[in-house]
């Protein structure tokens, strides 16, 4: 067998192995979880709240305690809400 024919045989075998893998293994993969719009909105709200708290921690990294950071975050959030609602 010449080198060209042998190379073509290896390439063909590789393609055949890939085709068999796709035909056999792919149907057994589980479906990805289905997410509702409510799930997405809840996750977005949680991440926004976490990012705001991380921002507070970044501004005041050597705070005396986590309780102080949490209280400051709550006060700042309430102040921002009052500004947004116009009260």
N, C-alpha and C. Protein backbone atom coordinates (compact mmCIF):
# COMPACT_ATOMS: atom_id res chain seq x y z
N UNK A 1 0.83 -1.17 0.00
CA UNK A 1 0.00 0.00 0.00
C UNK A 1 0.89 1.24 0.00
N UNK A 2 0.56 2.18 -0.85
CA UNK A 2 1.38 3.38 -0.92
C UNK A 2 1.06 4.31 0.26
N UNK A 3 1.91 5.29 0.45
CA UNK A 3 1.75 6.21 1.57
C UNK A 3 0.49 7.06 1.40
N UNK A 4 0.17 7.42 0.18
CA UNK A 4 -1.03 8.24 -0.07
C UNK A 4 -2.29 7.46 0.27
N UNK A 5 -2.34 6.23 -0.17
CA UNK A 5 -3.51 5.39 0.10
C UNK A 5 -3.64 5.14 1.60
N UNK A 6 -2.52 4.91 2.25
CA UNK A 6 -2.54 4.68 3.69
C UNK A 6 -3.01 5.93 4.44
N UNK A 7 -2.57 7.10 4.03
CA UNK A 7 -3.01 8.35 4.65
C UNK A 7 -4.50 8.55 4.45
N UNK A 8 -4.98 8.30 3.22
CA UNK A 8 -6.42 8.42 2.95
C UNK A 8 -7.22 7.42 3.79
N UNK A 9 -6.68 6.25 4.02
CA UNK A 9 -7.37 5.27 4.85
C UNK A 9 -7.47 5.76 6.30
N UNK A 10 -6.41 6.35 6.82
CA UNK A 10 -6.45 6.88 8.18
C UNK A 10 -7.43 8.05 8.29
N UNK A 11 -7.42 8.93 7.31
CA UNK A 11 -8.36 10.07 7.32
C UNK A 11 -9.80 9.56 7.25
N UNK A 12 -10.05 8.60 6.39
CA UNK A 12 -11.38 8.02 6.29
C UNK A 12 -11.82 7.35 7.58
N UNK A 13 -10.89 6.65 8.23
CA UNK A 13 -11.21 6.00 9.50
C UNK A 13 -11.52 7.03 10.58
N UNK A 14 -10.79 8.12 10.58
CA UNK A 14 -11.06 9.18 11.57
C UNK A 14 -12.43 9.79 11.34
N UNK A 15 -12.77 10.05 10.08
CA UNK A 15 -14.10 10.60 9.77
C UNK A 15 -15.20 9.61 10.15
N UNK A 16 -14.96 8.35 9.90
CA UNK A 16 -15.95 7.33 10.24
C UNK A 16 -16.14 7.25 11.75
N UNK A 17 -15.04 7.32 12.50
CA UNK A 17 -15.14 7.29 13.96
C UNK A 17 -15.91 8.51 14.48
N UNK A 18 -15.66 9.67 13.91
CA UNK A 18 -16.38 10.87 14.32
C UNK A 18 -17.87 10.75 14.00
N UNK A 19 -18.21 10.21 12.84
CA UNK A 19 -19.60 10.04 12.45
C UNK A 19 -20.31 9.06 13.38
N UNK A 20 -19.65 8.00 13.75
CA UNK A 20 -20.25 7.03 14.67
C UNK A 20 -20.44 7.65 16.04
N UNK A 21 -19.47 8.43 16.50
CA UNK A 21 -19.60 9.09 17.80
C UNK A 21 -20.80 10.04 17.81
N UNK A 22 -20.94 10.83 16.76
CA UNK A 22 -22.06 11.77 16.68
C UNK A 22 -23.38 11.03 16.62
N UNK A 23 -23.42 9.93 15.89
CA UNK A 23 -24.67 9.18 15.74
C UNK A 23 -25.05 8.44 17.01
N UNK A 24 -24.06 7.96 17.76
CA UNK A 24 -24.36 7.14 18.93
C UNK A 24 -24.38 7.96 20.22
N UNK A 25 -23.39 8.79 20.45
CA UNK A 25 -23.25 9.47 21.73
C UNK A 25 -24.16 10.68 21.85
N UNK A 26 -24.42 11.38 20.78
CA UNK A 26 -25.20 12.61 20.87
C UNK A 26 -26.63 12.39 21.35
N UNK A 27 -27.34 11.36 20.91
CA UNK A 27 -28.71 11.21 21.40
C UNK A 27 -28.82 10.94 22.90
N UNK A 28 -27.76 10.50 23.56
CA UNK A 28 -27.82 10.18 24.97
C UNK A 28 -27.48 11.37 25.86
N UNK A 29 -27.17 12.51 25.29
CA UNK A 29 -26.87 13.69 26.11
C UNK A 29 -28.18 14.25 26.66
N UNK A 30 -28.18 14.66 27.92
CA UNK A 30 -29.42 15.21 28.47
C UNK A 30 -29.71 16.60 27.90
N UNK A 31 -30.97 16.95 27.86
CA UNK A 31 -31.35 18.27 27.39
C UNK A 31 -30.90 19.31 28.41
N UNK A 32 -30.54 20.48 27.93
CA UNK A 32 -30.16 21.53 28.88
C UNK A 32 -31.39 21.95 29.70
N UNK A 33 -31.18 22.46 30.90
CA UNK A 33 -32.32 22.86 31.71
C UNK A 33 -33.08 24.01 31.06
N UNK A 34 -34.38 23.97 31.17
CA UNK A 34 -35.21 25.03 30.61
C UNK A 34 -35.39 26.12 31.66
N UNK A 35 -35.16 27.34 31.25
CA UNK A 35 -35.31 28.46 32.18
C UNK A 35 -36.45 29.34 31.73
N UNK A 36 -37.26 29.75 32.67
CA UNK A 36 -38.37 30.64 32.37
C UNK A 36 -37.89 32.08 32.47
N UNK A 37 -38.63 33.00 31.89
CA UNK A 37 -38.25 34.42 32.03
C UNK A 37 -38.19 34.86 33.49
N UNK A 38 -39.03 34.29 34.35
CA UNK A 38 -39.01 34.65 35.77
C UNK A 38 -37.69 34.21 36.41
N UNK A 39 -37.18 33.04 36.01
CA UNK A 39 -35.90 32.57 36.53
C UNK A 39 -34.78 33.54 36.14
N UNK A 40 -34.81 33.98 34.91
CA UNK A 40 -33.77 34.89 34.43
C UNK A 40 -33.84 36.21 35.17
N UNK A 41 -35.05 36.77 35.34
CA UNK A 41 -35.18 38.05 36.04
C UNK A 41 -34.74 37.93 37.50
N UNK A 42 -35.04 36.81 38.15
CA UNK A 42 -34.63 36.60 39.53
C UNK A 42 -33.11 36.55 39.62
N UNK A 43 -32.47 35.83 38.70
CA UNK A 43 -31.01 35.75 38.70
C UNK A 43 -30.37 37.11 38.44
N UNK A 44 -30.97 37.88 37.53
CA UNK A 44 -30.44 39.22 37.24
C UNK A 44 -30.52 40.10 38.48
N UNK A 45 -31.66 40.05 39.18
CA UNK A 45 -31.81 40.86 40.39
C UNK A 45 -30.80 40.45 41.46
N UNK A 46 -30.60 39.15 41.63
CA UNK A 46 -29.62 38.68 42.62
C UNK A 46 -28.21 39.15 42.27
N UNK A 47 -27.85 39.05 41.00
CA UNK A 47 -26.50 39.47 40.60
C UNK A 47 -26.31 40.97 40.74
N UNK A 48 -27.35 41.75 40.43
CA UNK A 48 -27.24 43.20 40.61
C UNK A 48 -27.05 43.54 42.08
N UNK A 49 -27.81 42.90 42.95
CA UNK A 49 -27.67 43.17 44.38
C UNK A 49 -26.27 42.78 44.86
N UNK A 50 -25.77 41.65 44.40
CA UNK A 50 -24.44 41.20 44.79
C UNK A 50 -23.37 42.17 44.27
N UNK A 51 -23.54 42.66 43.04
CA UNK A 51 -22.56 43.59 42.48
C UNK A 51 -22.56 44.90 43.28
N UNK A 52 -23.74 45.38 43.68
CA UNK A 52 -23.80 46.60 44.47
C UNK A 52 -23.09 46.43 45.80
N UNK A 53 -23.31 45.28 46.44
CA UNK A 53 -22.65 45.03 47.72
C UNK A 53 -21.14 44.89 47.53
N UNK A 54 -20.72 44.26 46.43
CA UNK A 54 -19.29 44.16 46.14
C UNK A 54 -18.68 45.52 45.91
N UNK A 55 -19.44 46.42 45.29
CA UNK A 55 -18.95 47.78 45.06
C UNK A 55 -18.73 48.48 46.40
N UNK A 56 -19.67 48.31 47.32
CA UNK A 56 -19.50 48.90 48.65
C UNK A 56 -18.26 48.34 49.34
N UNK A 57 -18.07 47.05 49.22
CA UNK A 57 -16.89 46.44 49.84
C UNK A 57 -15.61 46.92 49.19
N UNK A 58 -15.67 47.18 47.87
CA UNK A 58 -14.48 47.69 47.18
C UNK A 58 -14.15 49.11 47.59
N UNK A 59 -15.17 49.91 47.87
CA UNK A 59 -14.93 51.28 48.28
C UNK A 59 -14.40 51.36 49.72
N UNK A 60 -14.81 50.41 50.53
CA UNK A 60 -14.42 50.43 51.94
C UNK A 60 -13.92 49.05 52.33
N UNK A 61 -12.74 48.67 51.84
CA UNK A 61 -12.28 47.29 52.03
C UNK A 61 -11.87 46.96 53.46
N UNK A 62 -11.51 47.96 54.26
CA UNK A 62 -11.05 47.67 55.61
C UNK A 62 -12.10 48.09 56.64
N UNK A 63 -13.33 47.78 56.34
CA UNK A 63 -14.41 48.15 57.26
C UNK A 63 -14.28 47.38 58.56
N UNK A 64 -14.82 47.95 59.65
CA UNK A 64 -14.72 47.28 60.94
C UNK A 64 -15.44 45.93 60.97
N UNK A 65 -16.54 45.82 60.24
CA UNK A 65 -17.24 44.54 60.23
C UNK A 65 -18.14 44.46 59.01
N UNK A 66 -18.54 43.26 58.70
CA UNK A 66 -19.47 43.07 57.57
C UNK A 66 -20.82 43.69 57.88
N UNK A 67 -21.18 43.78 59.16
CA UNK A 67 -22.46 44.37 59.54
C UNK A 67 -22.50 45.85 59.14
N UNK A 68 -21.38 46.54 59.30
CA UNK A 68 -21.30 47.95 58.92
C UNK A 68 -21.46 48.10 57.41
N UNK A 69 -20.81 47.23 56.66
CA UNK A 69 -20.91 47.29 55.20
C UNK A 69 -22.35 47.04 54.77
N UNK A 70 -22.99 46.03 55.34
CA UNK A 70 -24.36 45.71 54.97
C UNK A 70 -25.30 46.86 55.32
N UNK A 71 -25.11 47.46 56.48
CA UNK A 71 -25.95 48.60 56.87
C UNK A 71 -25.74 49.77 55.93
N UNK A 72 -24.50 50.06 55.60
CA UNK A 72 -24.22 51.17 54.68
C UNK A 72 -24.83 50.90 53.31
N UNK A 73 -24.74 49.67 52.85
CA UNK A 73 -25.34 49.32 51.57
C UNK A 73 -26.86 49.52 51.61
N UNK A 74 -27.49 49.10 52.70
CA UNK A 74 -28.94 49.25 52.84
C UNK A 74 -29.33 50.73 52.84
N UNK A 75 -28.56 51.56 53.55
CA UNK A 75 -28.86 52.99 53.60
C UNK A 75 -28.65 53.65 52.24
N UNK A 76 -27.57 53.28 51.56
CA UNK A 76 -27.31 53.85 50.24
C UNK A 76 -28.39 53.44 49.24
N UNK A 77 -28.82 52.19 49.32
CA UNK A 77 -29.87 51.71 48.42
C UNK A 77 -31.18 52.45 48.68
N UNK A 78 -31.52 52.64 49.95
CA UNK A 78 -32.75 53.36 50.28
C UNK A 78 -32.66 54.80 49.79
N UNK A 79 -31.50 55.42 49.94
CA UNK A 79 -31.31 56.80 49.48
C UNK A 79 -31.47 56.88 47.96
N UNK A 80 -30.91 55.91 47.26
CA UNK A 80 -31.04 55.88 45.80
C UNK A 80 -32.49 55.70 45.38
N UNK A 81 -33.22 54.82 46.10
CA UNK A 81 -34.63 54.62 45.77
C UNK A 81 -35.43 55.88 45.99
N UNK A 82 -35.14 56.60 47.06
CA UNK A 82 -35.85 57.86 47.31
C UNK A 82 -35.58 58.86 46.20
N UNK A 83 -34.35 58.91 45.71
CA UNK A 83 -34.02 59.82 44.61
C UNK A 83 -34.79 59.44 43.34
N UNK A 84 -34.85 58.12 43.07
CA UNK A 84 -35.51 57.66 41.85
C UNK A 84 -37.01 57.86 41.88
N UNK A 85 -37.62 57.72 43.05
CA UNK A 85 -39.07 57.87 43.14
C UNK A 85 -39.46 59.33 43.37
N UNK A 86 -38.53 60.19 43.71
CA UNK A 86 -38.80 61.60 43.87
C UNK A 86 -39.40 61.96 45.22
N UNK A 87 -39.20 61.13 46.21
CA UNK A 87 -39.75 61.44 47.54
C UNK A 87 -38.76 62.16 48.39
